[in-house]
N, C-alpha and C. Protein backbone atom coordinates (compact mmCIF):
# COMPACT_ATOMS: atom_id res chain seq x y z
N MET A 1 38.77 204.74 192.99
CA MET A 1 37.69 205.42 192.35
C MET A 1 37.14 206.47 193.30
N THR A 2 36.97 207.67 192.79
CA THR A 2 36.50 208.74 193.65
C THR A 2 35.00 208.98 193.55
N ASP A 3 34.42 208.67 192.42
CA ASP A 3 32.97 208.81 192.31
C ASP A 3 32.44 207.80 191.31
N GLU A 4 31.17 207.90 190.97
CA GLU A 4 30.55 206.90 190.11
C GLU A 4 30.88 207.06 188.63
N THR A 5 31.45 208.18 188.22
CA THR A 5 31.62 208.39 186.79
C THR A 5 33.06 208.41 186.31
N THR A 6 34.03 208.52 187.21
CA THR A 6 35.40 208.58 186.74
C THR A 6 36.30 207.60 187.47
N TYR A 7 37.34 207.24 186.80
CA TYR A 7 38.38 206.40 187.36
C TYR A 7 39.61 207.28 187.35
N ASP A 8 40.12 207.70 188.53
CA ASP A 8 41.21 208.66 188.50
C ASP A 8 42.46 208.19 189.21
N ASP A 9 42.67 206.90 189.33
CA ASP A 9 43.90 206.38 189.89
C ASP A 9 45.03 206.50 188.87
N ALA A 10 44.70 206.94 187.67
CA ALA A 10 45.68 207.06 186.59
C ALA A 10 45.58 208.45 185.99
N PRO A 11 46.23 209.43 186.60
CA PRO A 11 46.07 210.82 186.17
C PRO A 11 46.54 211.09 184.74
N ALA A 12 47.43 210.27 184.20
CA ALA A 12 47.93 210.50 182.84
C ALA A 12 46.90 210.16 181.78
N THR A 13 45.97 209.29 182.09
CA THR A 13 44.98 208.86 181.11
C THR A 13 43.59 209.04 181.70
N PRO A 14 42.78 209.91 181.09
CA PRO A 14 41.42 210.07 181.61
C PRO A 14 40.57 208.85 181.22
N ILE A 15 40.08 208.15 182.22
CA ILE A 15 39.24 206.98 181.98
C ILE A 15 37.93 207.21 182.71
N ALA A 16 36.84 207.16 181.95
CA ALA A 16 35.53 207.43 182.54
C ALA A 16 34.67 206.17 182.53
N ILE A 17 33.92 205.99 183.60
CA ILE A 17 32.93 204.92 183.65
C ILE A 17 31.65 205.48 183.04
N LEU A 18 31.27 204.95 181.88
CA LEU A 18 30.05 205.43 181.21
C LEU A 18 28.81 204.74 181.73
N TRP A 19 28.97 203.48 182.12
CA TRP A 19 27.85 202.65 182.57
C TRP A 19 28.48 201.49 183.31
N ASP A 20 27.72 200.77 184.09
CA ASP A 20 28.27 199.59 184.74
C ASP A 20 28.84 198.67 183.67
N GLY A 21 30.14 198.41 183.75
CA GLY A 21 30.78 197.51 182.80
C GLY A 21 31.31 198.16 181.55
N ILE A 22 31.14 199.50 181.41
CA ILE A 22 31.60 200.19 180.20
C ILE A 22 32.51 201.36 180.58
N LEU A 23 33.75 201.31 180.05
CA LEU A 23 34.71 202.39 180.27
C LEU A 23 34.94 203.14 178.97
N SER A 24 35.27 204.42 179.09
CA SER A 24 35.65 205.23 177.94
C SER A 24 37.08 205.72 178.15
N VAL A 25 37.90 205.55 177.11
CA VAL A 25 39.28 206.03 177.15
C VAL A 25 39.48 206.94 175.94
N PRO A 26 39.34 208.26 176.14
CA PRO A 26 39.55 209.18 175.02
C PRO A 26 41.04 209.47 174.84
N LEU A 27 41.52 209.30 173.61
CA LEU A 27 42.92 209.58 173.33
C LEU A 27 43.01 210.92 172.59
N VAL A 28 43.92 211.77 173.06
CA VAL A 28 44.12 213.08 172.46
C VAL A 28 45.61 213.31 172.29
N GLY A 29 46.00 213.77 171.11
CA GLY A 29 47.40 214.11 170.87
C GLY A 29 48.17 212.95 170.26
N VAL A 30 49.47 213.13 170.25
CA VAL A 30 50.38 212.16 169.64
C VAL A 30 50.57 210.97 170.58
N ILE A 31 50.57 209.77 170.01
CA ILE A 31 50.78 208.55 170.79
C ILE A 31 52.15 207.99 170.40
N ASP A 32 53.13 208.15 171.29
CA ASP A 32 54.44 207.54 171.05
C ASP A 32 54.52 206.25 171.86
N SER A 33 55.66 205.57 171.81
CA SER A 33 55.79 204.27 172.48
C SER A 33 55.54 204.36 173.98
N LYS A 34 56.15 205.35 174.65
CA LYS A 34 55.99 205.48 176.10
C LYS A 34 54.54 205.79 176.46
N ARG A 35 53.95 206.74 175.75
CA ARG A 35 52.56 207.10 176.05
C ARG A 35 51.62 205.95 175.74
N GLY A 36 51.87 205.22 174.66
CA GLY A 36 51.04 204.07 174.33
C GLY A 36 51.08 203.03 175.43
N GLN A 37 52.27 202.78 175.98
CA GLN A 37 52.41 201.82 177.08
C GLN A 37 51.71 202.32 178.34
N ASP A 38 51.86 203.62 178.63
CA ASP A 38 51.19 204.19 179.82
C ASP A 38 49.68 204.09 179.71
N ILE A 39 49.15 204.37 178.52
CA ILE A 39 47.70 204.28 178.31
C ILE A 39 47.24 202.84 178.52
N MET A 40 47.99 201.90 177.95
CA MET A 40 47.59 200.49 178.11
C MET A 40 47.64 200.08 179.58
N ASP A 41 48.68 200.47 180.30
CA ASP A 41 48.79 200.14 181.72
C ASP A 41 47.60 200.69 182.49
N ASP A 42 47.27 201.96 182.26
CA ASP A 42 46.15 202.60 182.96
C ASP A 42 44.83 201.93 182.61
N MET A 43 44.65 201.62 181.33
CA MET A 43 43.41 200.99 180.88
C MET A 43 43.23 199.61 181.50
N LEU A 44 44.29 198.80 181.51
CA LEU A 44 44.20 197.45 182.08
C LEU A 44 43.95 197.50 183.58
N ARG A 45 44.56 198.45 184.26
CA ARG A 45 44.33 198.63 185.70
C ARG A 45 42.87 199.00 185.96
N ALA A 46 42.33 199.89 185.13
CA ALA A 46 40.93 200.30 185.28
C ALA A 46 39.98 199.13 185.03
N ILE A 47 40.30 198.31 184.02
CA ILE A 47 39.47 197.13 183.74
C ILE A 47 39.45 196.22 184.95
N LYS A 48 40.62 195.98 185.52
CA LYS A 48 40.69 195.09 186.69
C LYS A 48 39.93 195.66 187.88
N GLN A 49 40.11 196.96 188.14
CA GLN A 49 39.48 197.57 189.32
C GLN A 49 37.98 197.73 189.18
N THR A 50 37.49 197.94 187.97
CA THR A 50 36.05 198.17 187.79
C THR A 50 35.28 196.94 187.32
N GLY A 51 36.00 195.93 186.83
CA GLY A 51 35.32 194.76 186.28
C GLY A 51 34.65 195.03 184.95
N ALA A 52 35.14 196.03 184.23
CA ALA A 52 34.54 196.41 182.95
C ALA A 52 34.56 195.25 181.96
N LYS A 53 33.53 195.19 181.15
CA LYS A 53 33.43 194.19 180.09
C LYS A 53 33.62 194.79 178.71
N VAL A 54 33.50 196.12 178.61
CA VAL A 54 33.69 196.82 177.33
C VAL A 54 34.47 198.11 177.58
N VAL A 55 35.46 198.36 176.72
CA VAL A 55 36.21 199.61 176.75
C VAL A 55 36.02 200.29 175.40
N LEU A 56 35.63 201.56 175.45
CA LEU A 56 35.53 202.37 174.24
C LEU A 56 36.81 203.18 174.13
N LEU A 57 37.65 202.82 173.19
CA LEU A 57 38.91 203.51 172.95
C LEU A 57 38.66 204.53 171.84
N ASP A 58 38.50 205.80 172.23
CA ASP A 58 38.11 206.83 171.28
C ASP A 58 39.35 207.58 170.79
N ILE A 59 39.63 207.46 169.48
CA ILE A 59 40.84 208.07 168.92
C ILE A 59 40.54 209.35 168.13
N MET A 60 39.37 209.93 168.35
CA MET A 60 38.99 211.13 167.63
C MET A 60 40.01 212.26 167.81
N GLY A 61 40.64 212.34 168.96
CA GLY A 61 41.60 213.41 169.25
C GLY A 61 43.02 213.11 168.82
N VAL A 62 43.24 211.99 168.14
CA VAL A 62 44.58 211.65 167.65
C VAL A 62 44.70 212.25 166.25
N PRO A 63 45.65 213.17 166.05
CA PRO A 63 45.72 213.88 164.78
C PRO A 63 46.11 213.02 163.58
N ALA A 64 46.94 212.02 163.81
CA ALA A 64 47.38 211.17 162.69
C ALA A 64 47.66 209.77 163.20
N VAL A 65 47.37 208.81 162.35
CA VAL A 65 47.64 207.42 162.68
C VAL A 65 48.66 206.88 161.68
N ASP A 66 49.78 206.41 162.20
CA ASP A 66 50.76 205.75 161.35
C ASP A 66 50.86 204.30 161.81
N SER A 67 51.79 203.56 161.26
CA SER A 67 51.88 202.14 161.60
C SER A 67 52.21 201.94 163.08
N ALA A 68 52.99 202.85 163.68
CA ALA A 68 53.33 202.71 165.11
C ALA A 68 52.10 202.92 165.99
N VAL A 69 51.29 203.94 165.68
CA VAL A 69 50.08 204.21 166.45
C VAL A 69 49.10 203.06 166.29
N ALA A 70 48.94 202.58 165.06
CA ALA A 70 48.05 201.44 164.80
C ALA A 70 48.50 200.22 165.59
N SER A 71 49.81 200.01 165.66
CA SER A 71 50.35 198.89 166.43
C SER A 71 49.98 199.02 167.91
N HIS A 72 50.07 200.23 168.46
CA HIS A 72 49.68 200.45 169.86
C HIS A 72 48.20 200.13 170.06
N ILE A 73 47.37 200.58 169.14
CA ILE A 73 45.93 200.34 169.24
C ILE A 73 45.65 198.84 169.20
N ILE A 74 46.29 198.13 168.30
CA ILE A 74 46.09 196.68 168.20
C ILE A 74 46.53 195.99 169.48
N LYS A 75 47.67 196.39 170.02
CA LYS A 75 48.14 195.80 171.28
C LYS A 75 47.16 196.06 172.41
N MET A 76 46.61 197.28 172.47
CA MET A 76 45.65 197.61 173.52
C MET A 76 44.41 196.73 173.40
N THR A 77 43.92 196.53 172.18
CA THR A 77 42.72 195.71 172.01
C THR A 77 42.99 194.25 172.38
N LYS A 78 44.17 193.75 172.03
CA LYS A 78 44.51 192.37 172.38
C LYS A 78 44.65 192.20 173.89
N ALA A 79 45.26 193.18 174.55
CA ALA A 79 45.43 193.10 176.00
C ALA A 79 44.09 193.14 176.72
N THR A 80 43.16 193.99 176.23
CA THR A 80 41.84 194.03 176.87
C THR A 80 41.13 192.70 176.71
N ARG A 81 41.28 192.08 175.53
CA ARG A 81 40.66 190.78 175.28
C ARG A 81 41.19 189.74 176.27
N LEU A 82 42.49 189.78 176.55
CA LEU A 82 43.08 188.84 177.51
C LEU A 82 42.54 189.04 178.92
N MET A 83 42.03 190.24 179.20
CA MET A 83 41.43 190.55 180.49
C MET A 83 39.93 190.22 180.52
N GLY A 84 39.42 189.61 179.43
CA GLY A 84 38.00 189.27 179.37
C GLY A 84 37.12 190.45 179.02
N CYS A 85 37.69 191.41 178.35
CA CYS A 85 36.99 192.65 178.03
C CYS A 85 37.05 192.88 176.52
N THR A 86 36.01 193.47 175.97
CA THR A 86 35.96 193.80 174.55
C THR A 86 36.35 195.26 174.37
N CYS A 87 37.19 195.53 173.38
CA CYS A 87 37.59 196.91 173.08
C CYS A 87 36.95 197.33 171.77
N VAL A 88 36.26 198.46 171.80
CA VAL A 88 35.65 199.04 170.61
C VAL A 88 36.42 200.33 170.32
N VAL A 89 36.97 200.44 169.12
CA VAL A 89 37.71 201.64 168.73
C VAL A 89 36.76 202.58 168.01
N SER A 90 36.60 203.79 168.55
CA SER A 90 35.71 204.77 167.95
C SER A 90 36.50 206.02 167.55
N GLY A 91 35.85 206.88 166.80
CA GLY A 91 36.47 208.14 166.41
C GLY A 91 37.34 208.03 165.19
N ILE A 92 37.08 207.05 164.36
CA ILE A 92 37.88 206.89 163.15
C ILE A 92 37.34 207.83 162.08
N SER A 93 38.16 208.82 161.74
CA SER A 93 37.77 209.81 160.74
C SER A 93 38.03 209.27 159.35
N PRO A 94 37.44 209.90 158.33
CA PRO A 94 37.74 209.47 156.96
C PRO A 94 39.24 209.52 156.64
N ALA A 95 39.93 210.56 157.13
CA ALA A 95 41.37 210.69 156.86
C ALA A 95 42.16 209.54 157.51
N ILE A 96 41.80 209.20 158.74
CA ILE A 96 42.49 208.10 159.42
C ILE A 96 42.18 206.78 158.72
N ALA A 97 40.93 206.58 158.31
CA ALA A 97 40.57 205.36 157.60
C ALA A 97 41.38 205.23 156.30
N GLN A 98 41.49 206.31 155.55
CA GLN A 98 42.26 206.28 154.31
C GLN A 98 43.73 206.00 154.57
N THR A 99 44.28 206.65 155.59
CA THR A 99 45.69 206.43 155.93
C THR A 99 45.94 204.97 156.28
N MET A 100 45.06 204.39 157.07
CA MET A 100 45.24 203.00 157.48
C MET A 100 45.15 202.06 156.29
N VAL A 101 44.25 202.35 155.36
CA VAL A 101 44.13 201.53 154.16
C VAL A 101 45.39 201.67 153.31
N HIS A 102 45.87 202.90 153.13
CA HIS A 102 47.08 203.13 152.32
C HIS A 102 48.31 202.47 152.94
N LEU A 103 48.37 202.43 154.27
CA LEU A 103 49.50 201.80 154.94
C LEU A 103 49.35 200.28 155.02
N GLY A 104 48.17 199.78 154.64
CA GLY A 104 47.94 198.34 154.69
C GLY A 104 47.75 197.82 156.11
N ILE A 105 47.27 198.68 157.00
CA ILE A 105 47.09 198.30 158.41
C ILE A 105 45.76 197.58 158.56
N GLU A 106 45.82 196.36 159.05
CA GLU A 106 44.63 195.55 159.30
C GLU A 106 44.37 195.51 160.80
N LEU A 107 43.18 195.84 161.20
CA LEU A 107 42.82 195.77 162.61
C LEU A 107 42.22 194.42 162.98
N GLY A 108 42.18 193.52 162.01
CA GLY A 108 41.69 192.17 162.29
C GLY A 108 40.24 192.18 162.73
N ASP A 109 39.98 191.53 163.86
CA ASP A 109 38.60 191.41 164.34
C ASP A 109 38.23 192.50 165.35
N VAL A 110 38.98 193.60 165.33
CA VAL A 110 38.68 194.71 166.22
C VAL A 110 37.42 195.42 165.73
N VAL A 111 36.50 195.67 166.65
CA VAL A 111 35.28 196.40 166.30
C VAL A 111 35.63 197.88 166.21
N THR A 112 35.32 198.49 165.06
CA THR A 112 35.59 199.91 164.86
C THR A 112 34.31 200.62 164.44
N VAL A 113 34.17 201.85 164.92
CA VAL A 113 33.04 202.69 164.56
C VAL A 113 33.55 204.12 164.38
N SER A 114 32.80 204.92 163.66
CA SER A 114 33.27 206.28 163.42
C SER A 114 32.94 207.24 164.57
N LYS A 115 31.88 206.96 165.32
CA LYS A 115 31.47 207.89 166.38
C LYS A 115 31.39 207.18 167.73
N LEU A 116 31.71 207.93 168.78
CA LEU A 116 31.64 207.40 170.14
C LEU A 116 30.23 206.92 170.46
N ARG A 117 29.24 207.63 170.00
CA ARG A 117 27.85 207.25 170.25
C ARG A 117 27.55 205.86 169.69
N ASP A 118 28.11 205.56 168.50
CA ASP A 118 27.93 204.24 167.91
C ASP A 118 28.65 203.18 168.72
N GLY A 119 29.81 203.54 169.25
CA GLY A 119 30.55 202.62 170.11
C GLY A 119 29.78 202.30 171.38
N PHE A 120 29.11 203.31 171.93
CA PHE A 120 28.32 203.10 173.14
C PHE A 120 27.16 202.15 172.85
N LYS A 121 26.55 202.27 171.67
CA LYS A 121 25.47 201.36 171.28
C LYS A 121 26.00 199.93 171.17
N VAL A 122 27.19 199.77 170.58
CA VAL A 122 27.81 198.45 170.48
C VAL A 122 28.06 197.88 171.87
N ALA A 123 28.55 198.73 172.77
CA ALA A 123 28.83 198.29 174.15
C ALA A 123 27.55 197.84 174.85
N LEU A 124 26.49 198.60 174.71
CA LEU A 124 25.22 198.22 175.34
C LEU A 124 24.72 196.90 174.77
N ASP A 125 24.80 196.75 173.45
CA ASP A 125 24.39 195.49 172.81
C ASP A 125 25.21 194.32 173.34
N HIS A 126 26.51 194.53 173.47
CA HIS A 126 27.40 193.48 173.96
C HIS A 126 27.01 193.01 175.37
N LEU A 127 26.52 193.96 176.17
CA LEU A 127 26.11 193.64 177.55
C LEU A 127 24.65 193.21 177.64
N GLY A 128 23.96 193.19 176.49
CA GLY A 128 22.55 192.80 176.49
C GLY A 128 21.66 193.87 177.06
N LEU A 129 22.07 195.12 176.92
CA LEU A 129 21.30 196.24 177.45
C LEU A 129 20.78 197.12 176.31
N SER A 130 19.75 197.89 176.62
CA SER A 130 19.26 198.86 175.65
C SER A 130 18.72 200.05 176.40
N VAL A 131 18.66 201.17 175.71
CA VAL A 131 18.08 202.38 176.27
C VAL A 131 16.75 202.60 175.58
N VAL A 132 15.72 202.81 176.37
CA VAL A 132 14.39 203.03 175.79
C VAL A 132 13.83 204.35 176.30
N LYS A 133 13.09 204.99 175.44
CA LYS A 133 12.44 206.24 175.80
C LYS A 133 11.14 205.92 176.55
N ILE A 134 10.94 206.58 177.68
CA ILE A 134 9.70 206.32 178.43
C ILE A 134 8.85 207.56 178.52
């Protein structure tokens, strides 16, 4: 770790520390099998090194979700759970939601939200934290 806000031991995947115990993994572009595996490797390494309890996996920059991409996302969420970490998937657009429903893709008990900001609120709640205006 080079500073308090970023985790850069994994140059292929930008992983940011948003708060103590909360990581953000923004996904942009096409996710194929190799890239999906690389992202998961980087994310799990970051969880171990930072002790994160929540990962926000933001898919807003993914242009399309098919069954293969959904499978990668499900695997990532299961792997984070095995590390004692909760994964919140954010950035689900109406088009992606419709595609997933049409394909019959079930995310099971994965927490999903449409906006990263909502995911951050879920993460804070999970950690028993809140932000108050003073």
